[in-house]
Amino acid sequence: MDFSYTYMMTNSHNTVIYTGLTSNLIKRVYQHKTKAYKGFTSKYNCDKLVFYQEFTNINEAIALEKKIKAGSRSKKEKMIFEQNPEWKDLSDGWLFII
């Protein structure tokens, strides 16, 4: 079964929130952490995974990504807080063997 993930990354001070979509969450988080691509997350040091949701239907993942991106920062913070009240890096302890 193929999975899709909608996720949010932030920086060490939780001042910037990036929302993304991927079919390989471990690989994508690794790319953010290593700044594999120049762009928003490398520029603002978004290397902490603070929220993710798994889907079996790509269209549902896309819909959530669009909803998050269209929402206010306070709505994003609320979603993160509900899953991860301490804003810990949810990828801590993951083995990044790609």
PDB file of N, CA and C in Angstrom:
ATOM      1  N   MET A   1       0.843  -1.184   0.000  1.00  0.00           N
ATOM      2  CA  MET A   1       0.000   0.000   0.000  1.00  0.00           C
ATOM      3  C   MET A   1       0.888   1.247   0.000  1.00  0.00           C
ATOM      4  N   ASP A   2       0.531   2.213  -0.788  1.00  0.00           N
ATOM      5  CA  ASP A   2       1.272   3.469  -0.849  1.00  0.00           C
ATOM      6  C   ASP A   2       0.683   4.463   0.127  1.00  0.00           C
ATOM      7  N   PHE A   3       1.560   5.159   0.811  1.00  0.00           N
ATOM      8  CA  PHE A   3       1.134   6.172   1.768  1.00  0.00           C
ATOM      9  C   PHE A   3       1.587   7.543   1.300  1.00  0.00           C
ATOM     10  N   SER A   4       0.863   8.539   1.718  1.00  0.00           N
ATOM     11  CA  SER A   4       1.231   9.941   1.507  1.00  0.00           C
ATOM     12  C   SER A   4       1.197  10.621   2.860  1.00  0.00           C
ATOM     13  N   TYR A   5       2.017  11.647   2.987  1.00  0.00           N
ATOM     14  CA  TYR A   5       2.125  12.349   4.257  1.00  0.00           C
ATOM     15  C   TYR A   5       2.033  13.851   4.043  1.00  0.00           C
ATOM     16  N   THR A   6       1.250  14.498   4.873  1.00  0.00           N
ATOM     17  CA  THR A   6       1.253  15.943   4.982  1.00  0.00           C
ATOM     18  C   THR A   6       1.995  16.225   6.277  1.00  0.00           C
ATOM     19  N   TYR A   7       2.929  17.184   6.223  1.00  0.00           N
ATOM     20  CA  TYR A   7       3.772  17.394   7.395  1.00  0.00           C
ATOM     21  C   TYR A   7       4.100  18.868   7.572  1.00  0.00           C
ATOM     22  N   MET A   8       4.557  19.205   8.784  1.00  0.00           N
ATOM     23  CA  MET A   8       5.019  20.561   9.069  1.00  0.00           C
ATOM     24  C   MET A   8       6.385  20.486   9.742  1.00  0.00           C
ATOM     25  N   MET A   9       7.267  21.358   9.279  1.00  0.00           N
ATOM     26  CA  MET A   9       8.611  21.484   9.824  1.00  0.00           C
ATOM     27  C   MET A   9       8.750  22.894  10.405  1.00  0.00           C
ATOM     28  N   THR A  10       9.623  23.039  11.390  1.00  0.00           N
ATOM     29  CA  THR A  10       9.923  24.353  11.940  1.00  0.00           C
ATOM     30  C   THR A  10      11.413  24.444  12.229  1.00  0.00           C
ATOM     31  N   ASN A  11      11.836  25.608  12.714  1.00  0.00           N
ATOM     32  CA  ASN A  11      13.235  25.785  13.075  1.00  0.00           C
ATOM     33  C   ASN A  11      13.395  25.597  14.585  1.00  0.00           C
ATOM     34  N   SER A  12      14.617  25.762  15.083  1.00  0.00           N
ATOM     35  CA  SER A  12      14.876  25.487  16.498  1.00  0.00           C
ATOM     36  C   SER A  12      14.118  26.425  17.440  1.00  0.00           C
ATOM     37  N   HIS A  13      13.742  27.610  16.961  1.00  0.00           N
ATOM     38  CA  HIS A  13      13.010  28.562  17.804  1.00  0.00           C
ATOM     39  C   HIS A  13      11.494  28.547  17.548  1.00  0.00           C
ATOM     40  N   ASN A  14      11.044  27.659  16.674  1.00  0.00           N
ATOM     41  CA  ASN A  14       9.616  27.519  16.343  1.00  0.00           C
ATOM     42  C   ASN A  14       9.017  28.801  15.768  1.00  0.00           C
ATOM     43  N   THR A  15       9.824  29.582  15.066  1.00  0.00           N
ATOM     44  CA  THR A  15       9.338  30.855  14.547  1.00  0.00           C
ATOM     45  C   THR A  15       8.831  30.779  13.110  1.00  0.00           C
ATOM     46  N   VAL A  16       9.200  29.729  12.402  1.00  0.00           N
ATOM     47  CA  VAL A  16       8.795  29.560  11.005  1.00  0.00           C
ATOM     48  C   VAL A  16       8.158  28.185  10.875  1.00  0.00           C
ATOM     49  N   ILE A  17       7.054  28.095  10.138  1.00  0.00           N
ATOM     50  CA  ILE A  17       6.406  26.798   9.913  1.00  0.00           C
ATOM     51  C   ILE A  17       6.322  26.557   8.413  1.00  0.00           C
ATOM     52  N   TYR A  18       6.839  25.412   7.994  1.00  0.00           N
ATOM     53  CA  TYR A  18       6.779  24.991   6.596  1.00  0.00           C
ATOM     54  C   TYR A  18       5.839  23.794   6.503  1.00  0.00           C
ATOM     55  N   THR A  19       4.976  23.797   5.509  1.00  0.00           N
ATOM     56  CA  THR A  19       4.047  22.685   5.286  1.00  0.00           C
ATOM     57  C   THR A  19       4.391  22.015   3.979  1.00  0.00           C
ATOM     58  N   GLY A  20       4.428  20.685   4.000  1.00  0.00           N
ATOM     59  CA  GLY A  20       4.771  19.948   2.790  1.00  0.00           C
ATOM     60  C   GLY A  20       3.984  18.666   2.644  1.00  0.00           C
ATOM     61  N   LEU A  21       4.253  17.999   1.527  1.00  0.00           N
ATOM     62  CA  LEU A  21       3.572  16.761   1.154  1.00  0.00           C
ATOM     63  C   LEU A  21       4.619  15.826   0.562  1.00  0.00           C
ATOM     64  N   THR A  22       4.575  14.550   0.924  1.00  0.00           N
ATOM     65  CA  THR A  22       5.550  13.594   0.402  1.00  0.00           C
ATOM     66  C   THR A  22       4.993  12.177   0.440  1.00  0.00           C
ATOM     67  N   SER A  23       5.612  11.316  -0.338  1.00  0.00           N
ATOM     68  CA  SER A  23       5.261   9.893  -0.290  1.00  0.00           C
ATOM     69  C   SER A  23       6.314   9.117   0.503  1.00  0.00           C
ATOM     70  N   ASN A  24       7.413   9.780   0.883  1.00  0.00           N
ATOM     71  CA  ASN A  24       8.463   9.132   1.667  1.00  0.00           C
ATOM     72  C   ASN A  24       8.908  10.108   2.760  1.00  0.00           C
ATOM     73  N   LEU A  25       8.262  10.023   3.902  1.00  0.00           N
ATOM     74  CA  LEU A  25       8.484  10.997   4.969  1.00  0.00           C
ATOM     75  C   LEU A  25       9.914  10.945   5.504  1.00  0.00           C
ATOM     76  N   ILE A  26      10.446   9.774   5.710  1.00  0.00           N
ATOM     77  CA  ILE A  26      11.806   9.660   6.253  1.00  0.00           C
ATOM     78  C   ILE A  26      12.818  10.310   5.313  1.00  0.00           C
ATOM     79  N   LYS A  27      12.714   9.990   4.038  1.00  0.00           N
ATOM     80  CA  LYS A  27      13.635  10.573   3.056  1.00  0.00           C
ATOM     81  C   LYS A  27      13.480  12.086   2.987  1.00  0.00           C
ATOM     82  N   ARG A  28      12.252  12.560   2.997  1.00  0.00           N
ATOM     83  CA  ARG A  28      12.007  14.002   2.867  1.00  0.00           C
ATOM     84  C   ARG A  28      12.522  14.763   4.084  1.00  0.00           C
ATOM     85  N   VAL A  29      12.306  14.227   5.283  1.00  0.00           N
ATOM     86  CA  VAL A  29      12.809  14.881   6.492  1.00  0.00           C
ATOM     87  C   VAL A  29      14.340  14.918   6.459  1.00  0.00           C
ATOM     88  N   TYR A  30      14.956  13.838   6.019  1.00  0.00           N
ATOM     89  CA  TYR A  30      16.412  13.792   5.879  1.00  0.00           C
ATOM     90  C   TYR A  30      16.890  14.894   4.930  1.00  0.00           C
ATOM     91  N   GLN A  31      16.172  15.075   3.834  1.00  0.00           N
ATOM     92  CA  GLN A  31      16.532  16.116   2.877  1.00  0.00           C
ATOM     93  C   GLN A  31      16.441  17.508   3.513  1.00  0.00           C
ATOM     94  N   HIS A  32      15.415  17.726   4.324  1.00  0.00           N
ATOM     95  CA  HIS A  32      15.294  19.007   5.020  1.00  0.00           C
ATOM     96  C   HIS A  32      16.456  19.184   6.007  1.00  0.00           C
ATOM     97  N   LYS A  33      16.748  18.155   6.777  1.00  0.00           N
ATOM     98  CA  LYS A  33      17.794  18.245   7.795  1.00  0.00           C
ATOM     99  C   LYS A  33      19.176  18.476   7.196  1.00  0.00           C
ATOM    100  N   THR A  34      19.422  17.924   6.026  1.00  0.00           N
ATOM    101  CA  THR A  34      20.738  18.062   5.396  1.00  0.00           C
ATOM    102  C   THR A  34      20.785  19.215   4.405  1.00  0.00           C
ATOM    103  N   LYS A  35      19.685  19.948   4.293  1.00  0.00           N
ATOM    104  CA  LYS A  35      19.588  21.071   3.350  1.00  0.00           C
ATOM    105  C   LYS A  35      19.974  20.632   1.930  1.00  0.00           C
ATOM    106  N   ALA A  36      19.422  19.492   1.540  1.00  0.00           N
ATOM    107  CA  ALA A  36      19.738  18.908   0.232  1.00  0.00           C
ATOM    108  C   ALA A  36      19.305  19.800  -0.923  1.00  0.00           C
ATOM    109  N   TYR A  37      18.300  20.618  -0.706  1.00  0.00           N
ATOM    110  CA  TYR A  37      17.808  21.507  -1.754  1.00  0.00           C
ATOM    111  C   TYR A  37      17.775  22.933  -1.236  1.00  0.00           C
ATOM    112  N   LYS A  38      18.157  23.861  -2.075  1.00  0.00           N
ATOM    113  CA  LYS A  38      18.059  25.275  -1.718  1.00  0.00           C
ATOM    114  C   LYS A  38      16.584  25.670  -1.794  1.00  0.00           C
ATOM    115  N   GLY A  39      16.127  26.384  -0.821  1.00  0.00           N
ATOM    116  CA  GLY A  39      14.735  26.807  -0.815  1.00  0.00           C
ATOM    117  C   GLY A  39      14.339  27.305   0.552  1.00  0.00           C
ATOM    118  N   PHE A  40      13.043  27.366   0.777  1.00  0.00           N
ATOM    119  CA  PHE A  40      12.485  27.937   2.003  1.00  0.00           C
ATOM    120  C   PHE A  40      13.041  27.264   3.256  1.00  0.00           C
ATOM    121  N   THR A  41      12.998  25.927   3.302  1.00  0.00           N
ATOM    122  CA  THR A  41      13.390  25.243   4.539  1.00  0.00           C
ATOM    123  C   THR A  41      14.880  25.365   4.814  1.00  0.00           C
ATOM    124  N   SER A  42      15.709  25.361   3.771  1.00  0.00           N
ATOM    125  CA  SER A  42      17.144  25.542   4.022  1.00  0.00           C
ATOM    126  C   SER A  42      17.433  26.984   4.424  1.00  0.00           C
ATOM    127  N   LYS A  43      16.762  27.940   3.800  1.00  0.00           N
ATOM    128  CA  LYS A  43      16.965  29.358   4.113  1.00  0.00           C
ATOM    129  C   LYS A  43      16.594  29.675   5.564  1.00  0.00           C
ATOM    130  N   TYR A  44      15.497  29.095   6.033  1.00  0.00           N
ATOM    131  CA  TYR A  44      15.002  29.400   7.371  1.00  0.00           C
ATOM    132  C   TYR A  44      15.305  28.293   8.394  1.00  0.00           C
ATOM    133  N   ASN A  45      16.195  27.365   8.023  1.00  0.00           N
ATOM    134  CA  ASN A  45      16.644  26.300   8.930  1.00  0.00           C
ATOM    135  C   ASN A  45      15.503  25.471   9.519  1.00  0.00           C
ATOM    136  N   CYS A  46      14.533  25.140   8.691  1.00  0.00           N
ATOM    137  CA  CYS A  46      13.418  24.296   9.134  1.00  0.00           C
ATOM    138  C   CYS A  46      13.875  22.836   9.073  1.00  0.00           C
ATOM    139  N   ASP A  47      14.294  22.325  10.207  1.00  0.00           N
ATOM    140  CA  ASP A  47      14.824  20.973  10.244  1.00  0.00           C
ATOM    141  C   ASP A  47      14.224  20.128  11.374  1.00  0.00           C
ATOM    142  N   LYS A  48      13.112  20.616  11.931  1.00  0.00           N
ATOM    143  CA  LYS A  48      12.455  19.907  13.027  1.00  0.00           C
ATOM    144  C   LYS A  48      11.038  19.522  12.599  1.00  0.00           C
ATOM    145  N   LEU A  49      10.770  18.226  12.547  1.00  0.00           N
ATOM    146  CA  LEU A  49       9.440  17.719  12.185  1.00  0.00           C
ATOM    147  C   LEU A  49       8.539  17.815  13.406  1.00  0.00           C
ATOM    148  N   VAL A  50       7.489  18.629  13.311  1.00  0.00           N
ATOM    149  CA  VAL A  50       6.615  18.829  14.471  1.00  0.00           C
ATOM    150  C   VAL A  50       5.194  18.316  14.266  1.00  0.00           C
ATOM    151  N   PHE A  51       4.866  17.943  13.033  1.00  0.00           N
ATOM    152  CA  PHE A  51       3.521  17.436  12.743  1.00  0.00           C
ATOM    153  C   PHE A  51       3.585  16.595  11.481  1.00  0.00           C
ATOM    154  N   TYR A  52       2.857  15.488  11.484  1.00  0.00           N
ATOM    155  CA  TYR A  52       2.615  14.772  10.235  1.00  0.00           C
ATOM    156  C   TYR A  52       1.351  13.936  10.354  1.00  0.00           C
ATOM    157  N   GLN A  53       0.743  13.716   9.216  1.00  0.00           N
ATOM    158  CA  GLN A  53      -0.439  12.865   9.140  1.00  0.00           C
ATOM    159  C   GLN A  53      -0.277  11.957   7.937  1.00  0.00           C
ATOM    160  N   GLU A  54      -0.565  10.686   8.134  1.00  0.00           N
ATOM    161  CA  GLU A  54      -0.420   9.679   7.090  1.00  0.00           C
ATOM    162  C   GLU A  54      -1.763   9.429   6.413  1.00  0.00           C
ATOM    163  N   PHE A  55      -1.718   9.267   5.092  1.00  0.00           N
ATOM    164  CA  PHE A  55      -2.923   9.003   4.307  1.00  0.00           C
ATOM    165  C   PHE A  55      -2.683   7.840   3.359  1.00  0.00           C
ATOM    166  N   THR A  56      -3.737   7.094   3.088  1.00  0.00           N
ATOM    167  CA  THR A  56      -3.671   6.073   2.042  1.00  0.00           C
ATOM    168  C   THR A  56      -4.186   6.623   0.722  1.00  0.00           C
ATOM    169  N   ASN A  57      -4.793   7.797   0.775  1.00  0.00           N
ATOM    170  CA  ASN A  57      -5.332   8.446  -0.421  1.00  0.00           C
ATOM    171  C   ASN A  57      -4.599   9.772  -0.635  1.00  0.00           C
ATOM    172  N   ILE A  58      -3.854   9.874  -1.725  1.00  0.00           N
ATOM    173  CA  ILE A  58      -3.066  11.074  -2.018  1.00  0.00           C
ATOM    174  C   ILE A  58      -3.933  12.332  -2.065  1.00  0.00           C
ATOM    175  N   ASN A  59      -5.164  12.201  -2.543  1.00  0.00           N
ATOM    176  CA  ASN A  59      -6.046  13.367  -2.636  1.00  0.00           C
ATOM    177  C   ASN A  59      -6.388  13.939  -1.266  1.00  0.00           C
ATOM    178  N   GLU A  60      -6.496  13.078  -0.267  1.00  0.00           N
ATOM    179  CA  GLU A  60      -6.759  13.552   1.094  1.00  0.00           C
ATOM    180  C   GLU A  60      -5.541  14.291   1.647  1.00  0.00           C
ATOM    181  N   ALA A  61      -4.353  13.780   1.337  1.00  0.00           N
ATOM    182  CA  ALA A  61      -3.117  14.439   1.778  1.00  0.00           C
ATOM    183  C   ALA A  61      -2.989  15.816   1.129  1.00  0.00           C
ATOM    184  N   ILE A  62      -3.286  15.893  -0.155  1.00  0.00           N
ATOM    185  CA  ILE A  62      -3.234  17.170  -0.874  1.00  0.00           C
ATOM    186  C   ILE A  62      -4.241  18.151  -0.290  1.00  0.00           C
ATOM    187  N   ALA A  63      -5.440  17.668   0.004  1.00  0.00           N
ATOM    188  CA  ALA A  63      -6.486  18.532   0.568  1.00  0.00           C
ATOM    189  C   ALA A  63      -6.053  19.100   1.921  1.00  0.00           C
ATOM    190  N   LEU A  64      -5.428  18.264   2.762  1.00  0.00           N
ATOM    191  CA  LEU A  64      -4.975  18.763   4.063  1.00  0.00           C
ATOM    192  C   LEU A  64      -3.846  19.771   3.881  1.00  0.00           C
ATOM    193  N   GLU A  65      -2.917  19.495   2.976  1.00  0.00           N
ATOM    194  CA  GLU A  65      -1.826  20.445   2.732  1.00  0.00           C
ATOM    195  C   GLU A  65      -2.382  21.806   2.315  1.00  0.00           C
ATOM    196  N   LYS A  66      -3.339  21.799   1.401  1.00  0.00           N
ATOM    197  CA  LYS A  66      -3.940  23.058   0.947  1.00  0.00           C
ATOM    198  C   LYS A  66      -4.660  23.775   2.086  1.00  0.00           C
ATOM    199  N   LYS A  67      -5.367  23.009   2.913  1.00  0.00           N
ATOM    200  CA  LYS A  67      -6.089  23.590   4.048  1.00  0.00           C
ATOM    201  C   LYS A  67      -5.108  24.233   5.029  1.00  0.00           C
ATOM    202  N   ILE A  68      -4.022  23.543   5.321  1.00  0.00           N
ATOM    203  CA  ILE A  68      -3.029  24.084   6.249  1.00  0.00           C
ATOM    204  C   ILE A  68      -2.400  25.348   5.678  1.00  0.00           C
ATOM    205  N   LYS A  69      -1.986  25.293   4.416  1.00  0.00           N
ATOM    206  CA  LYS A  69      -1.331  26.444   3.798  1.00  0.00           C
ATOM    207  C   LYS A  69      -2.251  27.657   3.706  1.00  0.00           C
ATOM    208  N   ALA A  70      -3.541  27.430   3.582  1.00  0.00           N
ATOM    209  CA  ALA A  70      -4.503  28.525   3.493  1.00  0.00           C
ATOM    210  C   ALA A  70      -4.852  29.096   4.864  1.00  0.00           C
ATOM    211  N   GLY A  71      -4.515  28.368   5.920  1.00  0.00           N
ATOM    212  CA  GLY A  71      -4.892  28.777   7.270  1.00  0.00           C
ATOM    213  C   GLY A  71      -3.900  29.735   7.900  1.00  0.00           C
ATOM    214  N   SER A  72      -4.298  30.264   9.011  1.00  0.00           N
ATOM    215  CA  SER A  72      -3.464  31.209   9.756  1.00  0.00           C
ATOM    216  C   SER A  72      -2.392  30.461  10.543  1.00  0.00           C
ATOM    217  N   ARG A  73      -1.414  31.207  11.013  1.00  0.00           N
ATOM    218  CA  ARG A  73      -0.383  30.600  11.849  1.00  0.00           C
ATOM    219  C   ARG A  73      -1.010  30.000  13.111  1.00  0.00           C
ATOM    220  N   SER A  74      -1.977  30.664  13.687  1.00  0.00           N
ATOM    221  CA  SER A  74      -2.587  30.147  14.919  1.00  0.00           C
ATOM    222  C   SER A  74      -3.276  28.805  14.676  1.00  0.00           C
ATOM    223  N   LYS A  75      -3.869  28.610  13.503  1.00  0.00           N
ATOM    224  CA  LYS A  75      -4.486  27.316  13.176  1.00  0.00           C
ATOM    225  C   LYS A  75      -3.415  26.239  13.026  1.00  0.00           C
ATOM    226  N   LYS A  76      -2.272  26.590  12.427  1.00  0.00           N
ATOM    227  CA  LYS A  76      -1.158  25.637  12.300  1.00  0.00           C
ATOM    228  C   LYS A  76      -0.634  25.265  13.687  1.00  0.00           C
ATOM    229  N   GLU A  77      -0.460  26.274  14.525  1.00  0.00           N
ATOM    230  CA  GLU A  77       0.020  26.027  15.887  1.00  0.00           C
ATOM    231  C   GLU A  77      -0.925  25.111  16.651  1.00  0.00           C
ATOM    232  N   LYS A  78      -2.218  25.310  16.469  1.00  0.00           N
ATOM    233  CA  LYS A  78      -3.218  24.471  17.148  1.00  0.00           C
ATOM    234  C   LYS A  78      -3.101  23.018  16.687  1.00  0.00           C
ATOM    235  N   MET A  79      -2.939  22.812  15.383  1.00  0.00           N
ATOM    236  CA  MET A  79      -2.787  21.443  14.855  1.00  0.00           C
ATOM    237  C   MET A  79      -1.535  20.783  15.427  1.00  0.00           C
ATOM    238  N   ILE A  80      -0.448  21.541  15.459  1.00  0.00           N
ATOM    239  CA  ILE A  80       0.811  21.003  16.002  1.00  0.00           C
ATOM    240  C   ILE A  80       0.628  20.679  17.481  1.00  0.00           C
ATOM    241  N   PHE A  81       0.065  21.607  18.234  1.00  0.00           N
ATOM    242  CA  PHE A  81      -0.107  21.423  19.675  1.00  0.00           C
ATOM    243  C   PHE A  81      -0.952  20.196  19.996  1.00  0.00           C
ATOM    244  N   GLU A  82      -1.989  19.938  19.182  1.00  0.00           N
ATOM    245  CA  GLU A  82      -2.857  18.783  19.439  1.00  0.00           C
ATOM    246  C   GLU A  82      -2.105  17.467  19.272  1.00  0.00           C
ATOM    247  N   GLN A  83      -1.158  17.399  18.340  1.00  0.00           N
ATOM    248  CA  GLN A  83      -0.398  16.170  18.116  1.00  0.00           C
ATOM    249  C   GLN A  83       0.899  16.149  18.926  1.00  0.00           C
ATOM    250  N   ASN A  84       1.460  17.324  19.164  1.00  0.00           N
ATOM    251  CA  ASN A  84       2.808  17.422  19.695  1.00  0.00           C
ATOM    252  C   ASN A  84       2.905  18.660  20.600  1.00  0.00           C
ATOM    253  N   PRO A  85       2.307  18.618  21.798  1.00  0.00           N
ATOM    254  CA  PRO A  85       2.204  19.806  22.643  1.00  0.00           C
ATOM    255  C   PRO A  85       3.545  20.436  23.027  1.00  0.00           C
ATOM    256  N   GLU A  86       4.609  19.660  23.038  1.00  0.00           N
ATOM    257  CA  GLU A  86       5.919  20.213  23.413  1.00  0.00           C
ATOM    258  C   GLU A  86       6.751  20.606  22.197  1.00  0.00           C
ATOM    259  N   TRP A  87       6.189  20.469  21.006  1.00  0.00           N
ATOM    260  CA  TRP A  87       6.882  20.819  19.759  1.00  0.00           C
ATOM    261  C   TRP A  87       8.222  20.089  19.657  1.00  0.00           C
ATOM    262  N   LYS A  88       8.242  18.831  20.071  1.00  0.00           N
ATOM    263  CA  LYS A  88       9.456  18.029  19.953  1.00  0.00           C
ATOM    264  C   LYS A  88       9.668  17.648  18.498  1.00  0.00           C
ATOM    265  N   ASP A  89      10.907  17.313  18.154  1.00  0.00           N
ATOM    266  CA  ASP A  89      11.215  16.821  16.812  1.00  0.00           C
ATOM    267  C   ASP A  89      10.727  15.378  16.738  1.00  0.00           C
ATOM    268  N   LEU A  90       9.656  15.150  15.987  1.00  0.00           N
ATOM    269  CA  LEU A  90       9.058  13.820  15.895  1.00  0.00           C
ATOM    270  C   LEU A  90       9.963  12.826  15.170  1.00  0.00           C
ATOM    271  N   SER A  91      11.007  13.327  14.520  1.00  0.00           N
ATOM    272  CA  SER A  91      11.931  12.432  13.819  1.00  0.00           C
ATOM    273  C   SER A  91      13.139  12.066  14.683  1.00  0.00           C
ATOM    274  N   ASP A  92      13.196  12.547  15.917  1.00  0.00           N
ATOM    275  CA  ASP A  92      14.298  12.169  16.808  1.00  0.00           C
ATOM    276  C   ASP A  92      14.330  10.650  16.949  1.00  0.00           C
ATOM    277  N   GLY A  93      15.485  10.081  16.771  1.00  0.00           N
ATOM    278  CA  GLY A  93      15.637   8.634  16.899  1.00  0.00           C
ATOM    279  C   GLY A  93      15.424   7.867  15.612  1.00  0.00           C
ATOM    280  N   TRP A  94      14.984   8.542  14.561  1.00  0.00           N
ATOM    281  CA  TRP A  94      14.831   7.868  13.280  1.00  0.00           C
ATOM    282  C   TRP A  94      16.210   7.573  12.713  1.00  0.00           C
ATOM    283  N   LEU A  95      16.352   6.448  12.097  1.00  0.00           N
ATOM    284  CA  LEU A  95      17.592   6.116  11.404  1.00  0.00           C
ATOM    285  C   LEU A  95      17.454   6.572   9.963  1.00  0.00           C
ATOM    286  N   PHE A  96      18.299   7.491   9.571  1.00  0.00           N
ATOM    287  CA  PHE A  96      18.207   8.039   8.216  1.00  0.00           C
ATOM    288  C   PHE A  96      19.114   7.263   7.273  1.00  0.00           C
ATOM    289  N   ILE A  97      18.700   6.045   6.983  1.00  0.00           N
ATOM    290  CA  ILE A  97      19.424   5.214   6.022  1.00  0.00           C
ATOM    291  C   ILE A  97      18.597   5.233   4.745  1.00  0.00           C
ATOM    292  N   ILE A  98      19.064   5.953   3.780  1.00  0.00           N
ATOM    293  CA  ILE A  98      18.310   6.138   2.542  1.00  0.00           C
ATOM    294  C   ILE A  98      18.928   5.299   1.440  1.00  0.00           C
TER     295      ILE A  98
END
